[in-house]
N, C-alpha and C. Protein backbone atom coordinates (compact mmCIF):
# COMPACT_ATOMS: atom_id res chain seq x y z
N UNK A 1 53.55 -54.42 40.47
CA UNK A 1 53.52 -53.09 39.88
C UNK A 1 52.13 -52.49 40.06
N UNK A 2 52.05 -51.24 40.47
CA UNK A 2 50.79 -50.54 40.67
C UNK A 2 50.32 -49.99 39.33
N UNK A 3 49.07 -50.29 38.94
CA UNK A 3 48.56 -49.76 37.67
C UNK A 3 48.49 -48.23 37.70
N UNK A 4 48.78 -47.62 36.56
CA UNK A 4 48.71 -46.17 36.46
C UNK A 4 47.26 -45.72 36.33
N UNK A 5 47.00 -44.53 36.78
CA UNK A 5 45.68 -43.93 36.59
C UNK A 5 45.59 -43.52 35.13
N UNK A 6 44.47 -43.83 34.50
CA UNK A 6 44.30 -43.49 33.09
C UNK A 6 42.97 -42.78 32.89
N UNK A 7 42.90 -42.02 31.80
CA UNK A 7 41.70 -41.28 31.42
C UNK A 7 41.03 -42.05 30.29
N UNK A 8 39.73 -42.26 30.42
CA UNK A 8 39.00 -43.00 29.40
C UNK A 8 37.64 -42.35 29.17
N UNK A 9 37.17 -42.42 27.93
CA UNK A 9 35.81 -41.95 27.65
C UNK A 9 34.83 -43.02 28.12
N UNK A 10 33.70 -42.56 28.63
CA UNK A 10 32.72 -43.48 29.21
C UNK A 10 31.60 -43.77 28.23
N UNK A 11 31.27 -45.04 28.10
CA UNK A 11 30.17 -45.49 27.27
C UNK A 11 29.35 -46.50 28.07
N UNK A 12 28.09 -46.64 27.75
CA UNK A 12 27.19 -47.67 28.25
C UNK A 12 27.36 -47.99 29.73
N UNK A 13 27.87 -49.20 30.04
CA UNK A 13 27.94 -49.62 31.44
C UNK A 13 28.89 -48.75 32.25
N UNK A 14 29.91 -48.20 31.62
CA UNK A 14 30.83 -47.33 32.37
C UNK A 14 30.13 -46.02 32.73
N UNK A 15 29.18 -45.58 31.93
CA UNK A 15 28.38 -44.41 32.32
C UNK A 15 27.57 -44.73 33.57
N UNK A 16 27.11 -45.96 33.69
CA UNK A 16 26.39 -46.37 34.91
C UNK A 16 27.34 -46.38 36.11
N UNK A 17 28.59 -46.78 35.89
CA UNK A 17 29.59 -46.72 36.97
C UNK A 17 29.82 -45.28 37.40
N UNK A 18 29.88 -44.37 36.42
CA UNK A 18 30.06 -42.95 36.73
C UNK A 18 28.85 -42.41 37.49
N UNK A 19 27.66 -42.83 37.10
CA UNK A 19 26.44 -42.43 37.80
C UNK A 19 26.54 -42.84 39.28
N UNK A 20 26.96 -44.07 39.53
CA UNK A 20 27.10 -44.55 40.91
C UNK A 20 28.18 -43.78 41.66
N UNK A 21 29.30 -43.51 41.00
CA UNK A 21 30.39 -42.74 41.60
C UNK A 21 29.91 -41.34 42.00
N UNK A 22 29.25 -40.66 41.07
CA UNK A 22 28.77 -39.30 41.35
C UNK A 22 27.69 -39.30 42.43
N UNK A 23 26.84 -40.31 42.44
CA UNK A 23 25.82 -40.41 43.49
C UNK A 23 26.48 -40.55 44.86
N UNK A 24 27.51 -41.39 44.96
CA UNK A 24 28.23 -41.56 46.24
C UNK A 24 28.90 -40.26 46.69
N UNK A 25 29.28 -39.42 45.73
CA UNK A 25 29.94 -38.15 46.06
C UNK A 25 28.92 -37.03 46.33
N UNK A 26 27.64 -37.34 46.17
CA UNK A 26 26.59 -36.33 46.35
C UNK A 26 26.55 -35.32 45.22
N UNK A 27 26.96 -35.73 44.02
CA UNK A 27 27.06 -34.81 42.89
C UNK A 27 26.34 -35.29 41.64
N UNK A 28 25.27 -36.06 41.79
CA UNK A 28 24.58 -36.60 40.63
C UNK A 28 23.36 -35.76 40.30
N UNK A 29 23.42 -34.95 39.22
CA UNK A 29 22.24 -34.17 38.83
C UNK A 29 21.23 -35.06 38.11
N UNK A 30 19.99 -34.65 38.13
CA UNK A 30 18.92 -35.41 37.48
C UNK A 30 19.15 -35.56 35.98
N UNK A 31 19.83 -34.58 35.37
CA UNK A 31 20.01 -34.60 33.92
C UNK A 31 21.34 -35.24 33.49
N UNK A 32 21.97 -36.02 34.35
CA UNK A 32 23.24 -36.67 34.01
C UNK A 32 23.11 -37.52 32.75
N UNK A 33 24.05 -37.33 31.85
CA UNK A 33 24.19 -38.13 30.63
C UNK A 33 23.01 -38.00 29.66
N UNK A 34 22.36 -36.85 29.66
CA UNK A 34 21.32 -36.59 28.67
C UNK A 34 21.99 -36.01 27.43
N UNK A 35 21.64 -36.46 26.23
CA UNK A 35 22.29 -35.96 25.02
C UNK A 35 21.97 -34.50 24.76
N UNK A 36 22.87 -33.78 24.11
CA UNK A 36 24.17 -34.23 23.63
C UNK A 36 25.22 -34.11 24.74
N UNK A 37 25.96 -35.18 24.96
CA UNK A 37 27.00 -35.15 25.98
C UNK A 37 28.04 -36.23 25.73
N UNK A 38 29.19 -36.01 26.34
CA UNK A 38 30.25 -37.01 26.42
C UNK A 38 30.83 -36.90 27.82
N UNK A 39 31.27 -38.02 28.36
CA UNK A 39 31.89 -38.04 29.69
C UNK A 39 33.17 -38.84 29.65
N UNK A 40 34.12 -38.42 30.50
CA UNK A 40 35.40 -39.10 30.67
C UNK A 40 35.60 -39.36 32.15
N UNK A 41 36.43 -40.34 32.45
CA UNK A 41 36.73 -40.66 33.84
C UNK A 41 38.22 -40.88 34.00
N UNK A 42 38.70 -40.54 35.20
CA UNK A 42 40.03 -40.94 35.64
C UNK A 42 39.81 -42.23 36.40
N UNK A 43 40.53 -43.29 36.01
CA UNK A 43 40.35 -44.59 36.64
C UNK A 43 41.65 -45.04 37.29
N UNK A 44 41.54 -45.46 38.54
CA UNK A 44 42.65 -46.03 39.30
C UNK A 44 42.36 -47.52 39.36
N UNK A 45 43.16 -48.32 38.69
CA UNK A 45 42.82 -49.72 38.41
C UNK A 45 41.52 -49.68 37.63
N UNK A 46 40.45 -50.25 38.14
CA UNK A 46 39.18 -50.20 37.42
C UNK A 46 38.17 -49.29 38.11
N UNK A 47 38.60 -48.57 39.15
CA UNK A 47 37.70 -47.72 39.92
C UNK A 47 37.73 -46.28 39.41
N UNK A 48 36.55 -45.70 39.22
CA UNK A 48 36.46 -44.29 38.81
C UNK A 48 36.81 -43.43 40.02
N UNK A 49 37.76 -42.50 39.82
CA UNK A 49 38.15 -41.59 40.89
C UNK A 49 37.96 -40.12 40.50
N UNK A 50 37.54 -39.89 39.26
CA UNK A 50 37.27 -38.53 38.80
C UNK A 50 36.47 -38.55 37.52
N UNK A 51 35.73 -37.45 37.30
CA UNK A 51 34.91 -37.36 36.09
C UNK A 51 34.98 -35.94 35.52
N UNK A 52 34.62 -35.85 34.26
CA UNK A 52 34.39 -34.57 33.60
C UNK A 52 33.44 -34.83 32.43
N UNK A 53 32.56 -33.87 32.18
CA UNK A 53 31.60 -34.04 31.11
C UNK A 53 31.58 -32.84 30.18
N UNK A 54 31.04 -33.06 28.99
CA UNK A 54 30.93 -32.02 27.98
C UNK A 54 29.56 -32.10 27.34
N UNK A 55 28.87 -30.98 27.32
CA UNK A 55 27.64 -30.82 26.55
C UNK A 55 27.95 -29.76 25.50
N UNK A 56 27.21 -29.72 24.42
CA UNK A 56 27.53 -28.74 23.38
C UNK A 56 26.30 -28.31 22.62
N UNK A 57 26.48 -27.15 22.01
CA UNK A 57 25.49 -26.58 21.10
C UNK A 57 26.27 -25.73 20.11
N UNK A 58 26.13 -26.03 18.85
CA UNK A 58 26.90 -25.31 17.84
C UNK A 58 28.39 -25.52 18.10
N UNK A 59 29.14 -24.41 18.10
CA UNK A 59 30.59 -24.49 18.31
C UNK A 59 30.98 -24.27 19.77
N UNK A 60 30.00 -24.19 20.68
CA UNK A 60 30.28 -23.95 22.10
C UNK A 60 30.06 -25.23 22.90
N UNK A 61 30.97 -25.44 23.84
CA UNK A 61 30.86 -26.58 24.74
C UNK A 61 30.67 -26.11 26.17
N UNK A 62 30.04 -26.96 26.97
CA UNK A 62 29.79 -26.68 28.37
C UNK A 62 30.45 -27.78 29.21
N UNK A 63 31.43 -27.41 30.01
CA UNK A 63 32.11 -28.34 30.89
C UNK A 63 31.24 -28.56 32.12
N UNK A 64 31.10 -29.81 32.53
CA UNK A 64 30.33 -30.06 33.75
C UNK A 64 30.79 -31.32 34.45
N UNK A 65 30.39 -31.41 35.70
CA UNK A 65 30.72 -32.54 36.56
C UNK A 65 32.20 -32.86 36.60
N UNK A 66 33.02 -31.80 36.66
CA UNK A 66 34.46 -31.97 36.85
C UNK A 66 34.68 -32.21 38.34
N UNK A 67 35.02 -33.44 38.68
CA UNK A 67 35.15 -33.80 40.08
C UNK A 67 36.20 -34.89 40.23
N UNK A 68 37.07 -34.73 41.24
CA UNK A 68 38.05 -35.75 41.58
C UNK A 68 37.84 -36.10 43.05
N UNK A 69 37.79 -37.39 43.33
CA UNK A 69 37.62 -37.87 44.70
C UNK A 69 38.70 -37.23 45.59
N UNK A 70 38.32 -36.73 46.76
CA UNK A 70 39.29 -36.05 47.64
C UNK A 70 40.57 -36.86 47.88
N UNK A 71 40.48 -38.16 47.99
CA UNK A 71 41.67 -38.99 48.24
C UNK A 71 42.63 -39.01 47.06
N UNK A 72 42.19 -38.55 45.89
CA UNK A 72 43.03 -38.56 44.70
C UNK A 72 43.38 -37.16 44.19
N UNK A 73 43.08 -36.15 44.97
CA UNK A 73 43.41 -34.79 44.56
C UNK A 73 44.91 -34.54 44.72
N UNK A 74 45.37 -33.44 44.14
CA UNK A 74 46.78 -33.04 44.15
C UNK A 74 47.65 -34.00 43.34
N UNK A 75 47.05 -34.69 42.40
CA UNK A 75 47.78 -35.58 41.48
C UNK A 75 47.63 -35.13 40.04
N UNK A 76 47.04 -33.95 39.85
CA UNK A 76 46.83 -33.36 38.53
C UNK A 76 45.83 -34.14 37.69
N UNK A 77 44.95 -34.89 38.35
CA UNK A 77 43.93 -35.64 37.62
C UNK A 77 42.89 -34.72 36.99
N UNK A 78 42.52 -33.67 37.71
CA UNK A 78 41.57 -32.70 37.14
C UNK A 78 42.13 -32.08 35.88
N UNK A 79 43.41 -31.76 35.91
CA UNK A 79 44.07 -31.19 34.73
C UNK A 79 44.09 -32.20 33.58
N UNK A 80 44.40 -33.46 33.88
CA UNK A 80 44.42 -34.49 32.84
C UNK A 80 43.03 -34.68 32.25
N UNK A 81 42.00 -34.69 33.10
CA UNK A 81 40.63 -34.81 32.59
C UNK A 81 40.28 -33.62 31.70
N UNK A 82 40.64 -32.42 32.14
CA UNK A 82 40.35 -31.22 31.34
C UNK A 82 41.07 -31.28 30.00
N UNK A 83 42.34 -31.67 30.00
CA UNK A 83 43.09 -31.74 28.73
C UNK A 83 42.43 -32.72 27.76
N UNK A 84 41.98 -33.84 28.26
CA UNK A 84 41.32 -34.81 27.38
C UNK A 84 40.04 -34.22 26.81
N UNK A 85 39.23 -33.59 27.66
CA UNK A 85 37.99 -32.96 27.21
C UNK A 85 38.31 -31.89 26.15
N UNK A 86 39.26 -31.01 26.43
CA UNK A 86 39.58 -29.92 25.50
C UNK A 86 40.09 -30.45 24.16
N UNK A 87 40.93 -31.47 24.21
CA UNK A 87 41.45 -32.06 22.98
C UNK A 87 40.32 -32.68 22.15
N UNK A 88 39.45 -33.44 22.80
CA UNK A 88 38.34 -34.05 22.08
C UNK A 88 37.35 -32.99 21.58
N UNK A 89 37.14 -31.93 22.35
CA UNK A 89 36.25 -30.85 21.94
C UNK A 89 36.77 -30.19 20.66
N UNK A 90 38.07 -29.96 20.60
CA UNK A 90 38.66 -29.40 19.37
C UNK A 90 38.44 -30.33 18.19
N UNK A 91 38.62 -31.62 18.39
CA UNK A 91 38.41 -32.59 17.32
C UNK A 91 36.96 -32.61 16.86
N UNK A 92 36.04 -32.26 17.75
CA UNK A 92 34.62 -32.20 17.41
C UNK A 92 34.26 -30.91 16.68
N UNK A 93 35.21 -29.97 16.59
CA UNK A 93 34.96 -28.70 15.93
C UNK A 93 34.48 -27.60 16.87
N UNK A 94 34.52 -27.84 18.18
CA UNK A 94 34.14 -26.79 19.12
C UNK A 94 35.25 -25.75 19.19
N UNK A 95 34.88 -24.50 19.36
CA UNK A 95 35.87 -23.42 19.40
C UNK A 95 35.92 -22.69 20.73
N UNK A 96 34.94 -22.94 21.60
CA UNK A 96 34.94 -22.27 22.90
C UNK A 96 34.29 -23.16 23.94
N UNK A 97 34.71 -22.95 25.18
CA UNK A 97 34.15 -23.69 26.30
C UNK A 97 33.60 -22.72 27.33
N UNK A 98 32.53 -23.13 27.97
CA UNK A 98 31.92 -22.41 29.08
C UNK A 98 31.76 -23.38 30.23
N UNK A 99 31.58 -22.84 31.41
CA UNK A 99 31.21 -23.65 32.56
C UNK A 99 30.56 -22.76 33.59
N UNK A 100 29.80 -23.40 34.48
CA UNK A 100 29.20 -22.73 35.62
C UNK A 100 29.86 -23.29 36.87
N UNK A 101 30.19 -22.41 37.81
CA UNK A 101 30.79 -22.85 39.07
C UNK A 101 30.48 -21.82 40.13
N UNK A 102 30.18 -22.30 41.31
CA UNK A 102 29.97 -21.37 42.42
C UNK A 102 31.13 -21.36 43.38
N UNK A 103 32.06 -22.32 43.27
CA UNK A 103 33.14 -22.36 44.24
C UNK A 103 34.52 -22.66 43.70
N UNK A 104 34.64 -22.97 42.42
CA UNK A 104 35.95 -23.37 41.89
C UNK A 104 36.48 -22.39 40.84
N UNK A 105 36.04 -21.15 40.89
CA UNK A 105 36.46 -20.17 39.89
C UNK A 105 37.97 -20.00 39.81
N UNK A 106 38.64 -20.01 40.95
CA UNK A 106 40.10 -19.86 40.96
C UNK A 106 40.79 -20.97 40.19
N UNK A 107 40.31 -22.18 40.37
CA UNK A 107 40.88 -23.33 39.65
C UNK A 107 40.74 -23.13 38.15
N UNK A 108 39.54 -22.77 37.70
CA UNK A 108 39.30 -22.62 36.27
C UNK A 108 40.05 -21.42 35.70
N UNK A 109 40.21 -20.36 36.48
CA UNK A 109 41.01 -19.22 36.00
C UNK A 109 42.45 -19.64 35.74
N UNK A 110 43.00 -20.52 36.60
CA UNK A 110 44.36 -21.01 36.39
C UNK A 110 44.48 -21.81 35.09
N UNK A 111 43.37 -22.32 34.60
CA UNK A 111 43.38 -23.06 33.33
C UNK A 111 43.02 -22.16 32.14
N UNK A 112 42.98 -20.85 32.37
CA UNK A 112 42.77 -19.92 31.28
C UNK A 112 41.34 -19.45 31.08
N UNK A 113 40.43 -19.86 31.93
CA UNK A 113 39.05 -19.38 31.84
C UNK A 113 38.95 -18.00 32.44
N UNK A 114 38.01 -17.22 31.95
CA UNK A 114 37.74 -15.88 32.49
C UNK A 114 36.25 -15.79 32.81
N UNK A 115 35.93 -14.98 33.79
CA UNK A 115 34.53 -14.76 34.13
C UNK A 115 33.80 -14.17 32.93
N UNK A 116 32.55 -14.54 32.79
CA UNK A 116 31.71 -13.97 31.74
C UNK A 116 30.29 -13.88 32.29
N UNK A 117 29.44 -13.10 31.65
CA UNK A 117 28.06 -13.01 32.12
C UNK A 117 27.34 -14.37 32.01
N UNK A 118 26.57 -14.70 33.02
CA UNK A 118 25.79 -15.93 33.01
C UNK A 118 24.88 -15.96 31.79
N UNK A 119 24.30 -14.80 31.45
CA UNK A 119 23.40 -14.73 30.29
C UNK A 119 24.12 -15.09 28.99
N UNK A 120 25.40 -14.75 28.88
CA UNK A 120 26.17 -15.10 27.68
C UNK A 120 26.29 -16.62 27.57
N UNK A 121 26.72 -17.26 28.64
CA UNK A 121 26.88 -18.71 28.63
C UNK A 121 25.54 -19.40 28.39
N UNK A 122 24.51 -18.96 29.10
CA UNK A 122 23.19 -19.57 28.96
C UNK A 122 22.63 -19.37 27.55
N UNK A 123 22.89 -18.21 26.96
CA UNK A 123 22.42 -17.95 25.60
C UNK A 123 23.10 -18.82 24.57
N UNK A 124 24.40 -19.03 24.70
CA UNK A 124 25.14 -19.86 23.74
C UNK A 124 24.79 -21.33 23.88
N UNK A 125 24.34 -21.73 25.08
CA UNK A 125 24.14 -23.15 25.38
C UNK A 125 22.72 -23.45 25.85
N UNK A 126 21.75 -22.68 25.37
CA UNK A 126 20.37 -22.77 25.86
C UNK A 126 19.76 -24.16 25.72
N UNK A 127 20.20 -24.93 24.75
CA UNK A 127 19.60 -26.25 24.51
C UNK A 127 20.39 -27.40 25.12
N UNK A 128 21.38 -27.10 25.95
CA UNK A 128 22.12 -28.18 26.60
C UNK A 128 21.36 -28.63 27.86
N UNK A 129 21.55 -29.86 28.26
CA UNK A 129 20.83 -30.36 29.44
C UNK A 129 21.01 -29.51 30.70
N UNK A 130 22.24 -29.09 30.99
CA UNK A 130 22.45 -28.33 32.22
C UNK A 130 21.73 -26.98 32.19
N UNK A 131 21.81 -26.27 31.08
CA UNK A 131 21.14 -24.96 31.00
C UNK A 131 19.63 -25.14 31.02
N UNK A 132 19.12 -26.13 30.30
CA UNK A 132 17.68 -26.40 30.35
C UNK A 132 17.23 -26.69 31.78
N UNK A 133 18.01 -27.49 32.52
CA UNK A 133 17.66 -27.82 33.90
C UNK A 133 17.68 -26.58 34.79
N UNK A 134 18.76 -25.79 34.70
CA UNK A 134 18.84 -24.56 35.49
C UNK A 134 17.69 -23.61 35.16
N UNK A 135 17.37 -23.50 33.89
CA UNK A 135 16.29 -22.61 33.47
C UNK A 135 14.95 -23.10 34.04
N UNK A 136 14.69 -24.39 33.94
CA UNK A 136 13.44 -24.94 34.45
C UNK A 136 13.31 -24.75 35.96
N UNK A 137 14.43 -24.84 36.68
CA UNK A 137 14.39 -24.68 38.13
C UNK A 137 14.63 -23.23 38.57
N UNK A 138 14.84 -22.31 37.59
CA UNK A 138 15.10 -20.90 37.87
C UNK A 138 16.29 -20.72 38.82
N UNK A 139 17.40 -21.39 38.53
CA UNK A 139 18.58 -21.35 39.40
C UNK A 139 19.83 -20.77 38.75
N UNK A 140 19.73 -20.30 37.51
CA UNK A 140 20.91 -19.74 36.85
C UNK A 140 21.47 -18.54 37.59
N UNK A 141 20.62 -17.77 38.25
CA UNK A 141 21.08 -16.56 38.93
C UNK A 141 22.01 -16.88 40.11
N UNK A 142 22.07 -18.14 40.54
CA UNK A 142 22.97 -18.55 41.62
C UNK A 142 24.37 -18.90 41.11
N UNK A 143 24.51 -19.00 39.82
CA UNK A 143 25.76 -19.47 39.22
C UNK A 143 26.70 -18.33 38.85
N UNK A 144 27.99 -18.69 38.70
CA UNK A 144 28.98 -17.83 38.08
C UNK A 144 29.39 -18.55 36.80
N UNK A 145 29.60 -17.80 35.74
CA UNK A 145 29.95 -18.40 34.45
C UNK A 145 31.38 -18.05 34.08
N UNK A 146 32.01 -18.96 33.34
CA UNK A 146 33.39 -18.79 32.89
C UNK A 146 33.48 -19.23 31.44
N UNK A 147 34.44 -18.64 30.72
CA UNK A 147 34.59 -18.87 29.28
C UNK A 147 36.07 -18.92 28.92
N UNK A 148 36.36 -19.70 27.88
CA UNK A 148 37.68 -19.64 27.25
C UNK A 148 37.59 -20.13 25.82
N UNK A 149 38.42 -19.54 25.00
CA UNK A 149 38.51 -19.96 23.61
C UNK A 149 39.39 -21.19 23.52
N UNK A 150 39.02 -22.12 22.67
CA UNK A 150 39.88 -23.27 22.42
C UNK A 150 40.87 -23.00 21.30
N UNK A 151 40.66 -21.91 20.58
CA UNK A 151 41.53 -21.61 19.45
C UNK A 151 42.81 -20.90 19.88
N UNK A 152 42.75 -20.18 20.98
CA UNK A 152 43.93 -19.45 21.46
C UNK A 152 44.23 -19.86 22.89
N UNK A 153 44.04 -21.13 23.16
CA UNK A 153 44.18 -21.59 24.54
C UNK A 153 45.63 -21.69 24.96
N UNK A 154 45.81 -21.43 26.25
CA UNK A 154 47.10 -21.64 26.89
C UNK A 154 46.86 -22.80 27.85
N UNK A 155 47.46 -23.94 27.52
CA UNK A 155 47.24 -25.11 28.38
C UNK A 155 48.57 -25.54 28.97
N UNK A 156 48.53 -25.86 30.25
CA UNK A 156 49.71 -26.40 30.91
C UNK A 156 50.00 -27.78 30.34
N UNK A 157 51.21 -28.23 30.54
CA UNK A 157 51.55 -29.58 30.09
C UNK A 157 50.74 -30.60 30.90
N UNK A 158 50.18 -31.54 30.22
CA UNK A 158 49.43 -32.60 30.91
C UNK A 158 50.41 -33.50 31.66
N UNK A 159 49.98 -34.05 32.77
CA UNK A 159 50.87 -34.96 33.50
C UNK A 159 51.20 -36.19 32.66
N UNK A 160 52.37 -36.69 32.86
CA UNK A 160 52.80 -37.87 32.10
C UNK A 160 52.13 -39.13 32.60
């Protein structure tokens, strides 16, 4: 029997596995796993094949490092990772999510996100690791920002 892919929150040594996975994919930022943050992974057997992270400030969360290995795309793993993040974010008391993306806006719009001013996202999340990093490197102007409420969210059914 082939083990099912499962979503799990990452702690300690599994965060190191995610670091190695993201490095191999060319997607490891210098500020990976700096608090406050939580990360989840899609695992095929014991191998990480996708990640998603959450940073927060107040009632706003910032989605980051949403990535699924190309060989595992079209299996709704990104959606499953997002659903887990959104569910846990609600349990944490977060009411809205933001993200920055330069190339995946269409994907996030399908999940109910809408474009918003970069300054709005950066202002709500100024003390998160990603915004601090972008600000220090003066790179926020290259980003596109997206927002959605978690209180009135329309979420597709998660894959079984």
